[in-house]
Structure formats: structure tokens, C-alpha cells
């Protein structure tokens, strides 16, 4: 499943303040509970970050060109923080 990232848009504090119509929470519940957020909210907060890349694609390219470089990269990338989680389909 793919998704979207909208630069400059902050994570809403609650469903009441959210402008996304996700069909998980009805309009009535959203208006009755101004500080409540659905525990399975599909929105993912994205912290401040640098350039995002697909590490798997980088690893594949390095494996084709230089195995030693790929091994070094693997060690570094294994400990790197995840900014946006991988799709569950992968």
C-alpha cells in the first residue's frame, strides 16, 4: 500500500482536529470527543529528517557493484532510524 506525505502539515492532536476523512471514526464521534484519537489511526507522524531514500534499492545497487561496500552499508543502515515504515506488502 502506498501513501502520501504532505510537507508542513502537523499530526493532528485528536480526531476532532483532523481534516482527514478516514472512515474509521464517524463524524458524530469525532465531534463528541474533542481530545480523543482512534488507537489505530492510519496517520503516521514524521519527525524532522534529512533526505529520505529507499535503503533496499541502494543495497541492491551496491551488491551488484561492490560486495565490500554493500557489507559496510548494511552495517550502517541496520542501525539507522526508520522515518517512514515500509509497506506491509513488502
PDB file of N, CA and C in Angstrom:
ATOM      1  N   UNK A   1       0.844  -1.167   0.000  1.00  0.00           N
ATOM      2  CA  UNK A   1       0.000   0.000   0.000  1.00  0.00           C
ATOM      3  C   UNK A   1       0.894   1.236   0.000  1.00  0.00           C
ATOM      4  N   UNK A   2       0.593   2.167  -0.831  1.00  0.00           N
ATOM      5  CA  UNK A   2       1.351   3.413  -0.833  1.00  0.00           C
ATOM      6  C   UNK A   2       0.577   4.468  -0.058  1.00  0.00           C
ATOM      7  N   UNK A   3       1.184   5.605   0.151  1.00  0.00           N
ATOM      8  CA  UNK A   3       0.535   6.663   0.904  1.00  0.00           C
ATOM      9  C   UNK A   3       1.039   8.011   0.440  1.00  0.00           C
ATOM     10  N   UNK A   4       0.757   9.025   1.242  1.00  0.00           N
ATOM     11  CA  UNK A   4       1.209  10.368   0.897  1.00  0.00           C
ATOM     12  C   UNK A   4       1.912  11.003   2.091  1.00  0.00           C
ATOM     13  N   UNK A   5       2.772  11.933   1.787  1.00  0.00           N
ATOM     14  CA  UNK A   5       3.436  12.750   2.797  1.00  0.00           C
ATOM     15  C   UNK A   5       3.182  14.188   2.382  1.00  0.00           C
ATOM     16  N   UNK A   6       2.679  14.995   3.291  1.00  0.00           N
ATOM     17  CA  UNK A   6       2.386  16.391   2.981  1.00  0.00           C
ATOM     18  C   UNK A   6       3.307  17.267   3.821  1.00  0.00           C
ATOM     19  N   UNK A   7       4.366  17.833   3.209  1.00  0.00           N
ATOM     20  CA  UNK A   7       5.298  18.668   3.966  1.00  0.00           C
ATOM     21  C   UNK A   7       4.592  19.851   4.630  1.00  0.00           C
ATOM     22  N   UNK A   8       4.973  20.121   5.865  1.00  0.00           N
ATOM     23  CA  UNK A   8       4.441  21.274   6.572  1.00  0.00           C
ATOM     24  C   UNK A   8       3.129  21.022   7.294  1.00  0.00           C
ATOM     25  N   UNK A   9       2.543  19.838   7.150  1.00  0.00           N
ATOM     26  CA  UNK A   9       1.288  19.534   7.834  1.00  0.00           C
ATOM     27  C   UNK A   9       1.627  18.759   9.099  1.00  0.00           C
ATOM     28  N   UNK A  10       1.189  19.266  10.237  1.00  0.00           N
ATOM     29  CA  UNK A  10       1.473  18.635  11.526  1.00  0.00           C
ATOM     30  C   UNK A  10       0.465  17.524  11.814  1.00  0.00           C
ATOM     31  N   UNK A  11       0.875  16.559  12.626  1.00  0.00           N
ATOM     32  CA  UNK A  11      -0.009  15.481  13.063  1.00  0.00           C
ATOM     33  C   UNK A  11      -1.089  16.086  13.953  1.00  0.00           C
ATOM     34  N   UNK A  12      -2.370  15.855  13.651  1.00  0.00           N
ATOM     35  CA  UNK A  12      -3.429  16.420  14.497  1.00  0.00           C
ATOM     36  C   UNK A  12      -3.405  15.797  15.895  1.00  0.00           C
ATOM     37  N   UNK A  13      -3.747  16.598  16.884  1.00  0.00           N
ATOM     38  CA  UNK A  13      -3.728  16.141  18.273  1.00  0.00           C
ATOM     39  C   UNK A  13      -4.877  15.183  18.585  1.00  0.00           C
ATOM     40  N   UNK A  14      -5.938  15.233  17.793  1.00  0.00           N
ATOM     41  CA  UNK A  14      -7.100  14.375  18.025  1.00  0.00           C
ATOM     42  C   UNK A  14      -7.900  14.232  16.734  1.00  0.00           C
ATOM     43  N   UNK A  15      -8.836  13.298  16.730  1.00  0.00           N
ATOM     44  CA  UNK A  15      -9.720  13.119  15.575  1.00  0.00           C
ATOM     45  C   UNK A  15     -10.561  14.381  15.355  1.00  0.00           C
ATOM     46  N   UNK A  16     -10.901  15.051  16.442  1.00  0.00           N
ATOM     47  CA  UNK A  16     -11.696  16.273  16.376  1.00  0.00           C
ATOM     48  C   UNK A  16     -11.004  17.344  15.533  1.00  0.00           C
ATOM     49  N   UNK A  17      -9.669  17.430  15.648  1.00  0.00           N
ATOM     50  CA  UNK A  17      -8.907  18.456  14.930  1.00  0.00           C
ATOM     51  C   UNK A  17      -8.402  17.975  13.569  1.00  0.00           C
ATOM     52  N   UNK A  18      -8.710  16.737  13.216  1.00  0.00           N
ATOM     53  CA  UNK A  18      -8.205  16.152  11.980  1.00  0.00           C
ATOM     54  C   UNK A  18      -9.121  16.492  10.805  1.00  0.00           C
ATOM     55  N   UNK A  19      -8.528  16.868   9.691  1.00  0.00           N
ATOM     56  CA  UNK A  19      -9.301  17.175   8.492  1.00  0.00           C
ATOM     57  C   UNK A  19      -9.400  15.996   7.542  1.00  0.00           C
ATOM     58  N   UNK A  20      -8.816  14.861   7.917  1.00  0.00           N
ATOM     59  CA  UNK A  20      -8.824  13.680   7.053  1.00  0.00           C
ATOM     60  C   UNK A  20     -10.085  12.874   7.317  1.00  0.00           C
ATOM     61  N   UNK A  21     -10.783  12.511   6.269  1.00  0.00           N
ATOM     62  CA  UNK A  21     -11.964  11.664   6.394  1.00  0.00           C
ATOM     63  C   UNK A  21     -11.519  10.238   6.159  1.00  0.00           C
ATOM     64  N   UNK A  22     -11.197   9.518   7.228  1.00  0.00           N
ATOM     65  CA  UNK A  22     -10.598   8.191   7.096  1.00  0.00           C
ATOM     66  C   UNK A  22     -11.600   7.051   7.176  1.00  0.00           C
ATOM     67  N   UNK A  23     -12.851   7.337   7.417  1.00  0.00           N
ATOM     68  CA  UNK A  23     -13.918   6.334   7.531  1.00  0.00           C
ATOM     69  C   UNK A  23     -13.731   5.390   8.718  1.00  0.00           C
ATOM     70  N   UNK A  24     -12.730   5.616   9.556  1.00  0.00           N
ATOM     71  CA  UNK A  24     -12.546   4.796  10.746  1.00  0.00           C
ATOM     72  C   UNK A  24     -13.345   5.360  11.919  1.00  0.00           C
ATOM     73  N   UNK A  25     -13.514   6.644  11.908  1.00  0.00           N
ATOM     74  CA  UNK A  25     -14.200   7.314  13.002  1.00  0.00           C
ATOM     75  C   UNK A  25     -15.347   8.110  12.408  1.00  0.00           C
ATOM     76  N   UNK A  26     -16.534   7.899  12.938  1.00  0.00           N
ATOM     77  CA  UNK A  26     -17.686   8.605  12.381  1.00  0.00           C
ATOM     78  C   UNK A  26     -17.634  10.093  12.726  1.00  0.00           C
ATOM     79  N   UNK A  27     -18.314  10.886  11.947  1.00  0.00           N
ATOM     80  CA  UNK A  27     -18.386  12.337  12.160  1.00  0.00           C
ATOM     81  C   UNK A  27     -18.942  12.643  13.551  1.00  0.00           C
ATOM     82  N   UNK A  28     -19.901  11.858  14.006  1.00  0.00           N
ATOM     83  CA  UNK A  28     -20.523  12.092  15.315  1.00  0.00           C
ATOM     84  C   UNK A  28     -19.493  11.879  16.431  1.00  0.00           C
ATOM     85  N   UNK A  29     -18.760  10.784  16.401  1.00  0.00           N
ATOM     86  CA  UNK A  29     -17.746  10.508  17.434  1.00  0.00           C
ATOM     87  C   UNK A  29     -16.666  11.567  17.394  1.00  0.00           C
ATOM     88  N   UNK A  30     -16.259  11.964  16.195  1.00  0.00           N
ATOM     89  CA  UNK A  30     -15.211  12.971  16.043  1.00  0.00           C
ATOM     90  C   UNK A  30     -15.628  14.278  16.716  1.00  0.00           C
ATOM     91  N   UNK A  31     -16.888  14.633  16.631  1.00  0.00           N
ATOM     92  CA  UNK A  31     -17.365  15.885  17.224  1.00  0.00           C
ATOM     93  C   UNK A  31     -17.690  15.769  18.706  1.00  0.00           C
ATOM     94  N   UNK A  32     -17.956  14.574  19.206  1.00  0.00           N
ATOM     95  CA  UNK A  32     -18.310  14.406  20.618  1.00  0.00           C
ATOM     96  C   UNK A  32     -17.086  14.340  21.530  1.00  0.00           C
ATOM     97  N   UNK A  33     -15.973  13.901  21.023  1.00  0.00           N
ATOM     98  CA  UNK A  33     -14.779  13.703  21.837  1.00  0.00           C
ATOM     99  C   UNK A  33     -13.619  14.529  21.276  1.00  0.00           C
ATOM    100  N   UNK A  34     -13.512  15.810  21.680  1.00  0.00           N
ATOM    101  CA  UNK A  34     -12.518  16.696  21.076  1.00  0.00           C
ATOM    102  C   UNK A  34     -11.060  16.367  21.386  1.00  0.00           C
ATOM    103  N   UNK A  35     -10.778  15.499  22.367  1.00  0.00           N
ATOM    104  CA  UNK A  35      -9.383  15.185  22.698  1.00  0.00           C
ATOM    105  C   UNK A  35      -9.049  13.719  22.449  1.00  0.00           C
ATOM    106  N   UNK A  36      -9.925  13.012  21.769  1.00  0.00           N
ATOM    107  CA  UNK A  36      -9.764  11.581  21.546  1.00  0.00           C
ATOM    108  C   UNK A  36      -9.162  11.303  20.176  1.00  0.00           C
ATOM    109  N   UNK A  37      -8.274  10.319  20.104  1.00  0.00           N
ATOM    110  CA  UNK A  37      -7.726   9.860  18.825  1.00  0.00           C
ATOM    111  C   UNK A  37      -7.884   8.345  18.751  1.00  0.00           C
ATOM    112  N   UNK A  38      -8.355   7.864  17.616  1.00  0.00           N
ATOM    113  CA  UNK A  38      -8.533   6.432  17.395  1.00  0.00           C
ATOM    114  C   UNK A  38      -7.185   5.733  17.516  1.00  0.00           C
ATOM    115  N   UNK A  39      -7.139   4.643  18.312  1.00  0.00           N
ATOM    116  CA  UNK A  39      -5.848   3.977  18.566  1.00  0.00           C
ATOM    117  C   UNK A  39      -5.226   3.359  17.319  1.00  0.00           C
ATOM    118  N   UNK A  40      -6.024   3.100  16.289  1.00  0.00           N
ATOM    119  CA  UNK A  40      -5.489   2.554  15.035  1.00  0.00           C
ATOM    120  C   UNK A  40      -5.495   3.615  13.933  1.00  0.00           C
ATOM    121  N   UNK A  41      -5.263   4.857  14.323  1.00  0.00           N
ATOM    122  CA  UNK A  41      -5.214   5.970  13.365  1.00  0.00           C
ATOM    123  C   UNK A  41      -4.205   5.642  12.251  1.00  0.00           C
ATOM    124  N   UNK A  42      -4.612   5.788  10.979  1.00  0.00           N
ATOM    125  CA  UNK A  42      -3.704   5.453   9.876  1.00  0.00           C
ATOM    126  C   UNK A  42      -2.618   6.503   9.617  1.00  0.00           C
ATOM    127  N   UNK A  43      -2.719   7.659  10.252  1.00  0.00           N
ATOM    128  CA  UNK A  43      -1.711   8.703  10.053  1.00  0.00           C
ATOM    129  C   UNK A  43      -0.442   8.353  10.823  1.00  0.00           C
ATOM    130  N   UNK A  44       0.704   8.578  10.207  1.00  0.00           N
ATOM    131  CA  UNK A  44       1.995   8.284  10.834  1.00  0.00           C
ATOM    132  C   UNK A  44       2.737   9.598  11.018  1.00  0.00           C
ATOM    133  N   UNK A  45       3.087   9.966  12.266  1.00  0.00           N
ATOM    134  CA  UNK A  45       3.851  11.195  12.451  1.00  0.00           C
ATOM    135  C   UNK A  45       5.249  11.048  11.851  1.00  0.00           C
ATOM    136  N   UNK A  46       5.718  12.067  11.164  1.00  0.00           N
ATOM    137  CA  UNK A  46       7.045  12.043  10.552  1.00  0.00           C
ATOM    138  C   UNK A  46       7.902  13.102  11.232  1.00  0.00           C
ATOM    139  N   UNK A  47       8.971  12.679  11.920  1.00  0.00           N
ATOM    140  CA  UNK A  47       9.828  13.663  12.588  1.00  0.00           C
ATOM    141  C   UNK A  47      10.632  14.468  11.572  1.00  0.00           C
ATOM    142  N   UNK A  48      11.229  15.560  12.024  1.00  0.00           N
ATOM    143  CA  UNK A  48      12.135  16.298  11.147  1.00  0.00           C
ATOM    144  C   UNK A  48      13.209  15.335  10.664  1.00  0.00           C
ATOM    145  N   UNK A  49      13.583  15.458   9.400  1.00  0.00           N
ATOM    146  CA  UNK A  49      14.522  14.499   8.827  1.00  0.00           C
ATOM    147  C   UNK A  49      15.272  15.112   7.660  1.00  0.00           C
ATOM    148  N   UNK A  50      16.288  14.416   7.253  1.00  0.00           N
ATOM    149  CA  UNK A  50      17.025  14.782   6.046  1.00  0.00           C
ATOM    150  C   UNK A  50      16.384  14.086   4.853  1.00  0.00           C
ATOM    151  N   UNK A  51      17.149  13.906   3.818  1.00  0.00           N
ATOM    152  CA  UNK A  51      16.681  13.262   2.598  1.00  0.00           C
ATOM    153  C   UNK A  51      16.299  11.803   2.869  1.00  0.00           C
ATOM    154  N   UNK A  52      15.159  11.378   2.370  1.00  0.00           N
ATOM    155  CA  UNK A  52      14.712  10.001   2.547  1.00  0.00           C
ATOM    156  C   UNK A  52      15.039   9.195   1.291  1.00  0.00           C
ATOM    157  N   UNK A  53      15.575   7.997   1.498  1.00  0.00           N
ATOM    158  CA  UNK A  53      15.908   7.121   0.370  1.00  0.00           C
ATOM    159  C   UNK A  53      15.327   5.735   0.628  1.00  0.00           C
ATOM    160  N   UNK A  54      15.275   4.917  -0.408  1.00  0.00           N
ATOM    161  CA  UNK A  54      14.879   3.522  -0.253  1.00  0.00           C
ATOM    162  C   UNK A  54      16.163   2.720  -0.033  1.00  0.00           C
ATOM    163  N   UNK A  55      16.424   2.345   1.196  1.00  0.00           N
ATOM    164  CA  UNK A  55      17.670   1.655   1.552  1.00  0.00           C
ATOM    165  C   UNK A  55      17.799   0.316   0.837  1.00  0.00           C
ATOM    166  N   UNK A  56      16.693  -0.368   0.594  1.00  0.00           N
ATOM    167  CA  UNK A  56      16.742  -1.665  -0.088  1.00  0.00           C
ATOM    168  C   UNK A  56      17.263  -1.520  -1.514  1.00  0.00           C
ATOM    169  N   UNK A  57      16.820  -0.483  -2.218  1.00  0.00           N
ATOM    170  CA  UNK A  57      17.285  -0.249  -3.583  1.00  0.00           C
ATOM    171  C   UNK A  57      18.773   0.089  -3.580  1.00  0.00           C
ATOM    172  N   UNK A  58      19.202   0.904  -2.629  1.00  0.00           N
ATOM    173  CA  UNK A  58      20.616   1.249  -2.516  1.00  0.00           C
ATOM    174  C   UNK A  58      21.459   0.000  -2.278  1.00  0.00           C
ATOM    175  N   UNK A  59      20.994  -0.871  -1.384  1.00  0.00           N
ATOM    176  CA  UNK A  59      21.721  -2.109  -1.095  1.00  0.00           C
ATOM    177  C   UNK A  59      21.832  -2.988  -2.345  1.00  0.00           C
ATOM    178  N   UNK A  60      20.739  -3.112  -3.094  1.00  0.00           N
ATOM    179  CA  UNK A  60      20.757  -3.930  -4.319  1.00  0.00           C
ATOM    180  C   UNK A  60      21.786  -3.403  -5.317  1.00  0.00           C
ATOM    181  N   UNK A  61      21.812  -2.093  -5.505  1.00  0.00           N
ATOM    182  CA  UNK A  61      22.767  -1.494  -6.449  1.00  0.00           C
ATOM    183  C   UNK A  61      24.204  -1.709  -5.989  1.00  0.00           C
ATOM    184  N   UNK A  62      24.447  -1.578  -4.683  1.00  0.00           N
ATOM    185  CA  UNK A  62      25.803  -1.764  -4.158  1.00  0.00           C
ATOM    186  C   UNK A  62      26.240  -3.219  -4.269  1.00  0.00           C
ATOM    187  N   UNK A  63      25.322  -4.155  -4.075  1.00  0.00           N
ATOM    188  CA  UNK A  63      25.660  -5.579  -4.184  1.00  0.00           C
ATOM    189  C   UNK A  63      26.109  -5.919  -5.600  1.00  0.00           C
ATOM    190  N   UNK A  64      25.511  -5.275  -6.592  1.00  0.00           N
ATOM    191  CA  UNK A  64      25.883  -5.532  -7.991  1.00  0.00           C
ATOM    192  C   UNK A  64      27.267  -4.970  -8.313  1.00  0.00           C
ATOM    193  N   UNK A  65      27.620  -3.862  -7.651  1.00  0.00           N
ATOM    194  CA  UNK A  65      28.864  -3.174  -7.978  1.00  0.00           C
ATOM    195  C   UNK A  65      30.027  -3.531  -7.055  1.00  0.00           C
ATOM    196  N   UNK A  66      29.765  -3.622  -5.759  1.00  0.00           N
ATOM    197  CA  UNK A  66      30.859  -3.797  -4.801  1.00  0.00           C
ATOM    198  C   UNK A  66      30.337  -4.474  -3.538  1.00  0.00           C
ATOM    199  N   UNK A  67      30.660  -5.742  -3.361  1.00  0.00           N
ATOM    200  CA  UNK A  67      30.179  -6.501  -2.211  1.00  0.00           C
ATOM    201  C   UNK A  67      30.707  -5.934  -0.895  1.00  0.00           C
ATOM    202  N   UNK A  68      31.968  -5.514  -0.872  1.00  0.00           N
ATOM    203  CA  UNK A  68      32.557  -4.957   0.348  1.00  0.00           C
ATOM    204  C   UNK A  68      31.805  -3.690   0.766  1.00  0.00           C
ATOM    205  N   UNK A  69      31.541  -2.817  -0.206  1.00  0.00           N
ATOM    206  CA  UNK A  69      30.794  -1.586   0.081  1.00  0.00           C
ATOM    207  C   UNK A  69      29.393  -1.924   0.580  1.00  0.00           C
ATOM    208  N   UNK A  70      28.763  -2.920  -0.015  1.00  0.00           N
ATOM    209  CA  UNK A  70      27.422  -3.330   0.406  1.00  0.00           C
ATOM    210  C   UNK A  70      27.416  -3.827   1.848  1.00  0.00           C
ATOM    211  N   UNK A  71      28.438  -4.588   2.227  1.00  0.00           N
ATOM    212  CA  UNK A  71      28.532  -5.088   3.605  1.00  0.00           C
ATOM    213  C   UNK A  71      28.700  -3.941   4.603  1.00  0.00           C
ATOM    214  N   UNK A  72      29.523  -2.968   4.249  1.00  0.00           N
ATOM    215  CA  UNK A  72      29.702  -1.796   5.122  1.00  0.00           C
ATOM    216  C   UNK A  72      28.394  -1.015   5.241  1.00  0.00           C
ATOM    217  N   UNK A  73      27.736  -0.817   4.118  1.00  0.00           N
ATOM    218  CA  UNK A  73      26.456  -0.097   4.123  1.00  0.00           C
ATOM    219  C   UNK A  73      25.416  -0.830   4.950  1.00  0.00           C
ATOM    220  N   UNK A  74      25.368  -2.145   4.827  1.00  0.00           N
ATOM    221  CA  UNK A  74      24.398  -2.935   5.573  1.00  0.00           C
ATOM    222  C   UNK A  74      24.558  -2.711   7.068  1.00  0.00           C
ATOM    223  N   UNK A  75      25.811  -2.707   7.543  1.00  0.00           N
ATOM    224  CA  UNK A  75      26.063  -2.469   8.973  1.00  0.00           C
ATOM    225  C   UNK A  75      25.560  -1.098   9.407  1.00  0.00           C
ATOM    226  N   UNK A  76      25.801  -0.092   8.577  1.00  0.00           N
ATOM    227  CA  UNK A  76      25.369   1.274   8.915  1.00  0.00           C
ATOM    228  C   UNK A  76      23.845   1.401   8.843  1.00  0.00           C
ATOM    229  N   UNK A  77      23.249   0.866   7.773  1.00  0.00           N
ATOM    230  CA  UNK A  77      21.812   1.008   7.569  1.00  0.00           C
ATOM    231  C   UNK A  77      21.001   0.204   8.579  1.00  0.00           C
ATOM    232  N   UNK A  78      21.554  -0.885   9.078  1.00  0.00           N
ATOM    233  CA  UNK A  78      20.838  -1.717  10.051  1.00  0.00           C
ATOM    234  C   UNK A  78      20.528  -0.945  11.326  1.00  0.00           C
ATOM    235  N   UNK A  79      21.382   0.003  11.672  1.00  0.00           N
ATOM    236  CA  UNK A  79      21.191   0.784  12.897  1.00  0.00           C
ATOM    237  C   UNK A  79      20.566   2.150  12.654  1.00  0.00           C
ATOM    238  N   UNK A  80      20.272   2.470  11.396  1.00  0.00           N
ATOM    239  CA  UNK A  80      19.693   3.781  11.074  1.00  0.00           C
ATOM    240  C   UNK A  80      18.226   3.835  11.501  1.00  0.00           C
ATOM    241  N   UNK A  81      17.762   4.991  11.971  1.00  0.00           N
ATOM    242  CA  UNK A  81      16.357   5.097  12.376  1.00  0.00           C
ATOM    243  C   UNK A  81      15.417   5.021  11.168  1.00  0.00           C
ATOM    244  N   UNK A  82      14.251   4.438  11.386  1.00  0.00           N
ATOM    245  CA  UNK A  82      13.222   4.382  10.350  1.00  0.00           C
ATOM    246  C   UNK A  82      12.364   5.636  10.463  1.00  0.00           C
ATOM    247  N   UNK A  83      12.285   6.400   9.389  1.00  0.00           N
ATOM    248  CA  UNK A  83      11.470   7.622   9.384  1.00  0.00           C
ATOM    249  C   UNK A  83      10.040   7.285   8.969  1.00  0.00           C
ATOM    250  N   UNK A  84       9.902   6.593   7.859  1.00  0.00           N
ATOM    251  CA  UNK A  84       8.594   6.144   7.401  1.00  0.00           C
ATOM    252  C   UNK A  84       8.683   4.628   7.261  1.00  0.00           C
ATOM    253  N   UNK A  85       7.831   3.869   7.983  1.00  0.00           N
ATOM    254  CA  UNK A  85       7.909   2.410   7.942  1.00  0.00           C
ATOM    255  C   UNK A  85       7.657   1.866   6.540  1.00  0.00           C
ATOM    256  N   UNK A  86       8.209   0.669   6.271  1.00  0.00           N
ATOM    257  CA  UNK A  86       7.996   0.008   4.983  1.00  0.00           C
ATOM    258  C   UNK A  86       6.543  -0.434   4.863  1.00  0.00           C
ATOM    259  N   UNK A  87       6.078  -0.550   3.620  1.00  0.00           N
ATOM    260  CA  UNK A  87       4.750  -1.087   3.385  1.00  0.00           C
ATOM    261  C   UNK A  87       4.680  -2.509   3.926  1.00  0.00           C
ATOM    262  N   UNK A  88       3.542  -2.898   4.426  1.00  0.00           N
ATOM    263  CA  UNK A  88       3.378  -4.248   4.968  1.00  0.00           C
ATOM    264  C   UNK A  88       3.390  -5.291   3.865  1.00  0.00           C
ATOM    265  N   UNK A  89       3.177  -4.863   2.635  1.00  0.00           N
ATOM    266  CA  UNK A  89       3.136  -5.784   1.495  1.00  0.00           C
ATOM    267  C   UNK A  89       4.508  -6.258   1.086  1.00  0.00           C
ATOM    268  N   UNK A  90       5.561  -5.547   1.480  1.00  0.00           N
ATOM    269  CA  UNK A  90       6.922  -5.905   1.047  1.00  0.00           C
ATOM    270  C   UNK A  90       7.402  -7.163   1.719  1.00  0.00           C
TER     271      UNK A  90
END
